[in-house]
């Protein structure tokens, strides 16, 4: 199985000094050598990032939005 995806849109939903929540729309194409056609899928996810001791914001959670 081969998957390729791109973020088609993103927006900061909430922003705090040490944390942020970002909503992303993701377009994905999935290919399978045993299938005749690739499958296109769209997802919406909420990504949470937290500021760590070194000051860098890092992903701490990903949730799919129905």
PDB file of N, CA and C in Angstrom:
ATOM      1  N   UNK A   1       0.851  -1.176   0.000  1.00  0.00           N
ATOM      2  CA  UNK A   1       0.000   0.000   0.000  1.00  0.00           C
ATOM      3  C   UNK A   1       0.893   1.235   0.000  1.00  0.00           C
ATOM      4  N   UNK A   2       0.543   2.188  -0.855  1.00  0.00           N
ATOM      5  CA  UNK A   2       1.272   3.449  -0.941  1.00  0.00           C
ATOM      6  C   UNK A   2       0.283   4.579  -0.680  1.00  0.00           C
ATOM      7  N   UNK A   3       0.624   5.476   0.233  1.00  0.00           N
ATOM      8  CA  UNK A   3      -0.253   6.600   0.560  1.00  0.00           C
ATOM      9  C   UNK A   3       0.509   7.903   0.382  1.00  0.00           C
ATOM     10  N   UNK A   4      -0.179   8.890  -0.181  1.00  0.00           N
ATOM     11  CA  UNK A   4       0.396  10.214  -0.376  1.00  0.00           C
ATOM     12  C   UNK A   4      -0.643  11.227   0.069  1.00  0.00           C
ATOM     13  N   UNK A   5      -0.247  12.193   0.880  1.00  0.00           N
ATOM     14  CA  UNK A   5      -1.214  13.160   1.369  1.00  0.00           C
ATOM     15  C   UNK A   5      -0.656  14.567   1.396  1.00  0.00           C
ATOM     16  N   UNK A   6      -1.566  15.529   1.331  1.00  0.00           N
ATOM     17  CA  UNK A   6      -1.192  16.936   1.427  1.00  0.00           C
ATOM     18  C   UNK A   6      -2.184  17.656   2.330  1.00  0.00           C
ATOM     19  N   UNK A   7      -1.693  18.660   3.021  1.00  0.00           N
ATOM     20  CA  UNK A   7      -2.563  19.518   3.820  1.00  0.00           C
ATOM     21  C   UNK A   7      -3.115  20.574   2.871  1.00  0.00           C
ATOM     22  N   UNK A   8      -4.430  20.550   2.642  1.00  0.00           N
ATOM     23  CA  UNK A   8      -5.038  21.497   1.706  1.00  0.00           C
ATOM     24  C   UNK A   8      -5.457  22.798   2.392  1.00  0.00           C
ATOM     25  N   UNK A   9      -5.637  22.760   3.715  1.00  0.00           N
ATOM     26  CA  UNK A   9      -5.982  23.969   4.469  1.00  0.00           C
ATOM     27  C   UNK A   9      -5.639  23.737   5.935  1.00  0.00           C
ATOM     28  N   UNK A  10      -5.293  24.815   6.630  1.00  0.00           N
ATOM     29  CA  UNK A  10      -4.998  24.733   8.062  1.00  0.00           C
ATOM     30  C   UNK A  10      -5.331  26.072   8.708  1.00  0.00           C
ATOM     31  N   UNK A  11      -5.803  26.001   9.953  1.00  0.00           N
ATOM     32  CA  UNK A  11      -6.127  27.220  10.690  1.00  0.00           C
ATOM     33  C   UNK A  11      -5.919  26.976  12.179  1.00  0.00           C
ATOM     34  N   UNK A  12      -5.422  27.988  12.873  1.00  0.00           N
ATOM     35  CA  UNK A  12      -5.268  27.901  14.325  1.00  0.00           C
ATOM     36  C   UNK A  12      -6.648  28.103  14.942  1.00  0.00           C
ATOM     37  N   UNK A  13      -7.101  27.099  15.684  1.00  0.00           N
ATOM     38  CA  UNK A  13      -8.409  27.175  16.337  1.00  0.00           C
ATOM     39  C   UNK A  13      -8.304  27.890  17.685  1.00  0.00           C
ATOM     40  N   UNK A  14      -7.299  27.511  18.479  1.00  0.00           N
ATOM     41  CA  UNK A  14      -7.050  28.130  19.781  1.00  0.00           C
ATOM     42  C   UNK A  14      -5.546  28.302  19.938  1.00  0.00           C
ATOM     43  N   UNK A  15      -5.149  29.414  20.538  1.00  0.00           N
ATOM     44  CA  UNK A  15      -3.730  29.665  20.764  1.00  0.00           C
ATOM     45  C   UNK A  15      -3.528  30.163  22.189  1.00  0.00           C
ATOM     46  N   UNK A  16      -2.587  29.543  22.881  1.00  0.00           N
ATOM     47  CA  UNK A  16      -2.233  29.899  24.246  1.00  0.00           C
ATOM     48  C   UNK A  16      -0.713  30.039  24.294  1.00  0.00           C
ATOM     49  N   UNK A  17      -0.155  30.629  25.351  1.00  0.00           N
ATOM     50  CA  UNK A  17       1.302  30.798  25.403  1.00  0.00           C
ATOM     51  C   UNK A  17       2.091  29.486  25.289  1.00  0.00           C
ATOM     52  N   UNK A  18       1.541  28.394  25.823  1.00  0.00           N
ATOM     53  CA  UNK A  18       2.292  27.136  25.830  1.00  0.00           C
ATOM     54  C   UNK A  18       1.635  26.021  25.019  1.00  0.00           C
ATOM     55  N   UNK A  19       0.527  26.337  24.305  1.00  0.00           N
ATOM     56  CA  UNK A  19      -0.209  25.290  23.598  1.00  0.00           C
ATOM     57  C   UNK A  19      -1.036  25.916  22.484  1.00  0.00           C
ATOM     58  N   UNK A  20      -1.279  25.143  21.430  1.00  0.00           N
ATOM     59  CA  UNK A  20      -2.162  25.588  20.353  1.00  0.00           C
ATOM     60  C   UNK A  20      -2.897  24.386  19.781  1.00  0.00           C
ATOM     61  N   UNK A  21      -4.094  24.648  19.244  1.00  0.00           N
ATOM     62  CA  UNK A  21      -4.869  23.623  18.550  1.00  0.00           C
ATOM     63  C   UNK A  21      -5.079  24.099  17.121  1.00  0.00           C
ATOM     64  N   UNK A  22      -4.716  23.248  16.173  1.00  0.00           N
ATOM     65  CA  UNK A  22      -4.773  23.582  14.753  1.00  0.00           C
ATOM     66  C   UNK A  22      -5.698  22.585  14.061  1.00  0.00           C
ATOM     67  N   UNK A  23      -6.605  23.091  13.233  1.00  0.00           N
ATOM     68  CA  UNK A  23      -7.473  22.222  12.433  1.00  0.00           C
ATOM     69  C   UNK A  23      -6.886  22.152  11.033  1.00  0.00           C
ATOM     70  N   UNK A  24      -6.812  20.928  10.486  1.00  0.00           N
ATOM     71  CA  UNK A  24      -6.253  20.727   9.150  1.00  0.00           C
ATOM     72  C   UNK A  24      -7.207  19.913   8.290  1.00  0.00           C
ATOM     73  N   UNK A  25      -7.283  20.276   7.015  1.00  0.00           N
ATOM     74  CA  UNK A  25      -7.975  19.467   6.016  1.00  0.00           C
ATOM     75  C   UNK A  25      -6.889  18.751   5.216  1.00  0.00           C
ATOM     76  N   UNK A  26      -7.008  17.437   5.112  1.00  0.00           N
ATOM     77  CA  UNK A  26      -5.979  16.630   4.459  1.00  0.00           C
ATOM     78  C   UNK A  26      -6.597  15.853   3.304  1.00  0.00           C
ATOM     79  N   UNK A  27      -5.966  15.943   2.136  1.00  0.00           N
ATOM     80  CA  UNK A  27      -6.353  15.148   0.969  1.00  0.00           C
ATOM     81  C   UNK A  27      -5.336  14.022   0.831  1.00  0.00           C
ATOM     82  N   UNK A  28      -5.829  12.787   0.680  1.00  0.00           N
ATOM     83  CA  UNK A  28      -4.939  11.638   0.616  1.00  0.00           C
ATOM     84  C   UNK A  28      -5.320  10.741  -0.552  1.00  0.00           C
ATOM     85  N   UNK A  29      -4.307  10.197  -1.212  1.00  0.00           N
ATOM     86  CA  UNK A  29      -4.499   9.191  -2.254  1.00  0.00           C
ATOM     87  C   UNK A  29      -3.823   7.913  -1.787  1.00  0.00           C
ATOM     88  N   UNK A  30      -4.576   6.815  -1.827  1.00  0.00           N
ATOM     89  CA  UNK A  30      -4.062   5.520  -1.392  1.00  0.00           C
ATOM     90  C   UNK A  30      -4.035   4.586  -2.591  1.00  0.00           C
ATOM     91  N   UNK A  31      -2.878   3.995  -2.829  1.00  0.00           N
ATOM     92  CA  UNK A  31      -2.731   3.050  -3.929  1.00  0.00           C
ATOM     93  C   UNK A  31      -2.392   1.670  -3.405  1.00  0.00           C
ATOM     94  N   UNK A  32      -2.939   0.664  -4.062  1.00  0.00           N
ATOM     95  CA  UNK A  32      -2.684  -0.722  -3.694  1.00  0.00           C
ATOM     96  C   UNK A  32      -2.410  -1.486  -4.984  1.00  0.00           C
ATOM     97  N   UNK A  33      -1.264  -2.145  -5.086  1.00  0.00           N
ATOM     98  CA  UNK A  33      -0.949  -2.878  -6.316  1.00  0.00           C
ATOM     99  C   UNK A  33      -2.001  -3.923  -6.693  1.00  0.00           C
ATOM    100  N   UNK A  34      -2.765  -4.413  -5.725  1.00  0.00           N
ATOM    101  CA  UNK A  34      -3.784  -5.426  -6.001  1.00  0.00           C
ATOM    102  C   UNK A  34      -5.121  -4.815  -6.435  1.00  0.00           C
ATOM    103  N   UNK A  35      -5.257  -3.495  -6.324  1.00  0.00           N
ATOM    104  CA  UNK A  35      -6.508  -2.822  -6.701  1.00  0.00           C
ATOM    105  C   UNK A  35      -6.351  -2.176  -8.071  1.00  0.00           C
ATOM    106  N   UNK A  36      -7.465  -2.044  -8.772  1.00  0.00           N
ATOM    107  CA  UNK A  36      -7.439  -1.449 -10.111  1.00  0.00           C
ATOM    108  C   UNK A  36      -7.248   0.065 -10.079  1.00  0.00           C
ATOM    109  N   UNK A  37      -7.801   0.730  -9.065  1.00  0.00           N
ATOM    110  CA  UNK A  37      -7.751   2.188  -9.011  1.00  0.00           C
ATOM    111  C   UNK A  37      -7.279   2.664  -7.642  1.00  0.00           C
ATOM    112  N   UNK A  38      -6.663   3.855  -7.636  1.00  0.00           N
ATOM    113  CA  UNK A  38      -6.313   4.501  -6.375  1.00  0.00           C
ATOM    114  C   UNK A  38      -7.583   5.020  -5.711  1.00  0.00           C
ATOM    115  N   UNK A  39      -7.525   5.195  -4.402  1.00  0.00           N
ATOM    116  CA  UNK A  39      -8.655   5.742  -3.652  1.00  0.00           C
ATOM    117  C   UNK A  39      -8.282   7.125  -3.129  1.00  0.00           C
ATOM    118  N   UNK A  40      -9.162   8.093  -3.363  1.00  0.00           N
ATOM    119  CA  UNK A  40      -8.980   9.436  -2.818  1.00  0.00           C
ATOM    120  C   UNK A  40      -9.804   9.554  -1.549  1.00  0.00           C
ATOM    121  N   UNK A  41      -9.195  10.135  -0.516  1.00  0.00           N
ATOM    122  CA  UNK A  41      -9.884  10.323   0.766  1.00  0.00           C
ATOM    123  C   UNK A  41      -9.593  11.716   1.296  1.00  0.00           C
ATOM    124  N   UNK A  42     -10.539  12.234   2.053  1.00  0.00           N
ATOM    125  CA  UNK A  42     -10.373  13.530   2.698  1.00  0.00           C
ATOM    126  C   UNK A  42     -10.594  13.350   4.197  1.00  0.00           C
ATOM    127  N   UNK A  43      -9.750  14.006   4.975  1.00  0.00           N
ATOM    128  CA  UNK A  43      -9.845  13.940   6.430  1.00  0.00           C
ATOM    129  C   UNK A  43      -9.796  15.347   7.002  1.00  0.00           C
ATOM    130  N   UNK A  44     -10.406  15.503   8.171  1.00  0.00           N
ATOM    131  CA  UNK A  44     -10.221  16.706   8.978  1.00  0.00           C
ATOM    132  C   UNK A  44      -9.641  16.242  10.305  1.00  0.00           C
ATOM    133  N   UNK A  45      -8.589  16.907  10.749  1.00  0.00           N
ATOM    134  CA  UNK A  45      -7.953  16.528  12.009  1.00  0.00           C
ATOM    135  C   UNK A  45      -7.690  17.770  12.854  1.00  0.00           C
ATOM    136  N   UNK A  46      -7.673  17.563  14.159  1.00  0.00           N
ATOM    137  CA  UNK A  46      -7.281  18.610  15.101  1.00  0.00           C
ATOM    138  C   UNK A  46      -5.931  18.185  15.680  1.00  0.00           C
ATOM    139  N   UNK A  47      -4.934  19.027  15.491  1.00  0.00           N
ATOM    140  CA  UNK A  47      -3.583  18.747  15.971  1.00  0.00           C
ATOM    141  C   UNK A  47      -3.305  19.657  17.161  1.00  0.00           C
ATOM    142  N   UNK A  48      -2.853  19.068  18.262  1.00  0.00           N
ATOM    143  CA  UNK A  48      -2.472  19.835  19.444  1.00  0.00           C
ATOM    144  C   UNK A  48      -0.951  19.884  19.508  1.00  0.00           C
ATOM    145  N   UNK A  49      -0.416  21.082  19.702  1.00  0.00           N
ATOM    146  CA  UNK A  49       1.030  21.246  19.865  1.00  0.00           C
ATOM    147  C   UNK A  49       1.289  21.905  21.213  1.00  0.00           C
ATOM    148  N   UNK A  50       2.353  21.465  21.878  1.00  0.00           N
ATOM    149  CA  UNK A  50       2.741  22.007  23.180  1.00  0.00           C
ATOM    150  C   UNK A  50       4.166  22.523  23.117  1.00  0.00           C
ATOM    151  N   UNK A  51       4.421  23.613  23.858  1.00  0.00           N
ATOM    152  CA  UNK A  51       5.778  24.149  23.952  1.00  0.00           C
ATOM    153  C   UNK A  51       6.546  23.323  24.984  1.00  0.00           C
ATOM    154  N   UNK A  52       7.699  22.816  24.583  1.00  0.00           N
ATOM    155  CA  UNK A  52       8.527  22.009  25.470  1.00  0.00           C
ATOM    156  C   UNK A  52       9.569  22.886  26.155  1.00  0.00           C
ATOM    157  N   UNK A  53      10.324  22.292  27.069  1.00  0.00           N
ATOM    158  CA  UNK A  53      11.314  23.034  27.853  1.00  0.00           C
ATOM    159  C   UNK A  53      12.332  23.761  26.985  1.00  0.00           C
ATOM    160  N   UNK A  54      12.623  23.206  25.796  1.00  0.00           N
ATOM    161  CA  UNK A  54      13.589  23.849  24.902  1.00  0.00           C
ATOM    162  C   UNK A  54      12.963  24.981  24.085  1.00  0.00           C
ATOM    163  N   UNK A  55      11.654  25.256  24.313  1.00  0.00           N
ATOM    164  CA  UNK A  55      10.967  26.342  23.627  1.00  0.00           C
ATOM    165  C   UNK A  55      10.348  25.968  22.296  1.00  0.00           C
ATOM    166  N   UNK A  56      10.589  24.749  21.839  1.00  0.00           N
ATOM    167  CA  UNK A  56      10.080  24.299  20.543  1.00  0.00           C
ATOM    168  C   UNK A  56       8.663  23.754  20.706  1.00  0.00           C
ATOM    169  N   UNK A  57       7.775  24.125  19.772  1.00  0.00           N
ATOM    170  CA  UNK A  57       6.416  23.589  19.758  1.00  0.00           C
ATOM    171  C   UNK A  57       6.449  22.230  19.059  1.00  0.00           C
ATOM    172  N   UNK A  58       5.916  21.196  19.730  1.00  0.00           N
ATOM    173  CA  UNK A  58       5.921  19.840  19.181  1.00  0.00           C
ATOM    174  C   UNK A  58       4.519  19.249  19.255  1.00  0.00           C
ATOM    175  N   UNK A  59       4.194  18.411  18.279  1.00  0.00           N
ATOM    176  CA  UNK A  59       2.884  17.761  18.236  1.00  0.00           C
ATOM    177  C   UNK A  59       2.744  16.845  19.442  1.00  0.00           C
ATOM    178  N   UNK A  60       1.617  16.988  20.141  1.00  0.00           N
ATOM    179  CA  UNK A  60       1.358  16.127  21.295  1.00  0.00           C
ATOM    180  C   UNK A  60       0.076  15.322  21.126  1.00  0.00           C
ATOM    181  N   UNK A  61      -0.699  15.618  20.076  1.00  0.00           N
ATOM    182  CA  UNK A  61      -1.921  14.857  19.862  1.00  0.00           C
ATOM    183  C   UNK A  61      -2.529  15.133  18.500  1.00  0.00           C
ATOM    184  N   UNK A  62      -3.177  14.102  17.948  1.00  0.00           N
ATOM    185  CA  UNK A  62      -3.894  14.220  16.680  1.00  0.00           C
ATOM    186  C   UNK A  62      -5.231  13.511  16.847  1.00  0.00           C
ATOM    187  N   UNK A  63      -6.325  14.215  16.552  1.00  0.00           N
ATOM    188  CA  UNK A  63      -7.662  13.634  16.650  1.00  0.00           C
ATOM    189  C   UNK A  63      -8.401  13.858  15.343  1.00  0.00           C
ATOM    190  N   UNK A  64      -9.029  12.802  14.844  1.00  0.00           N
ATOM    191  CA  UNK A  64      -9.851  12.927  13.646  1.00  0.00           C
ATOM    192  C   UNK A  64     -11.163  13.601  14.011  1.00  0.00           C
ATOM    193  N   UNK A  65     -11.630  14.493  13.151  1.00  0.00           N
ATOM    194  CA  UNK A  65     -12.898  15.194  13.349  1.00  0.00           C
ATOM    195  C   UNK A  65     -13.927  14.527  12.439  1.00  0.00           C
ATOM    196  N   UNK A  66     -15.017  14.010  13.018  1.00  0.00           N
ATOM    197  CA  UNK A  66     -16.021  13.331  12.181  1.00  0.00           C
ATOM    198  C   UNK A  66     -16.739  14.291  11.247  1.00  0.00           C
TER     199      UNK A  66
END
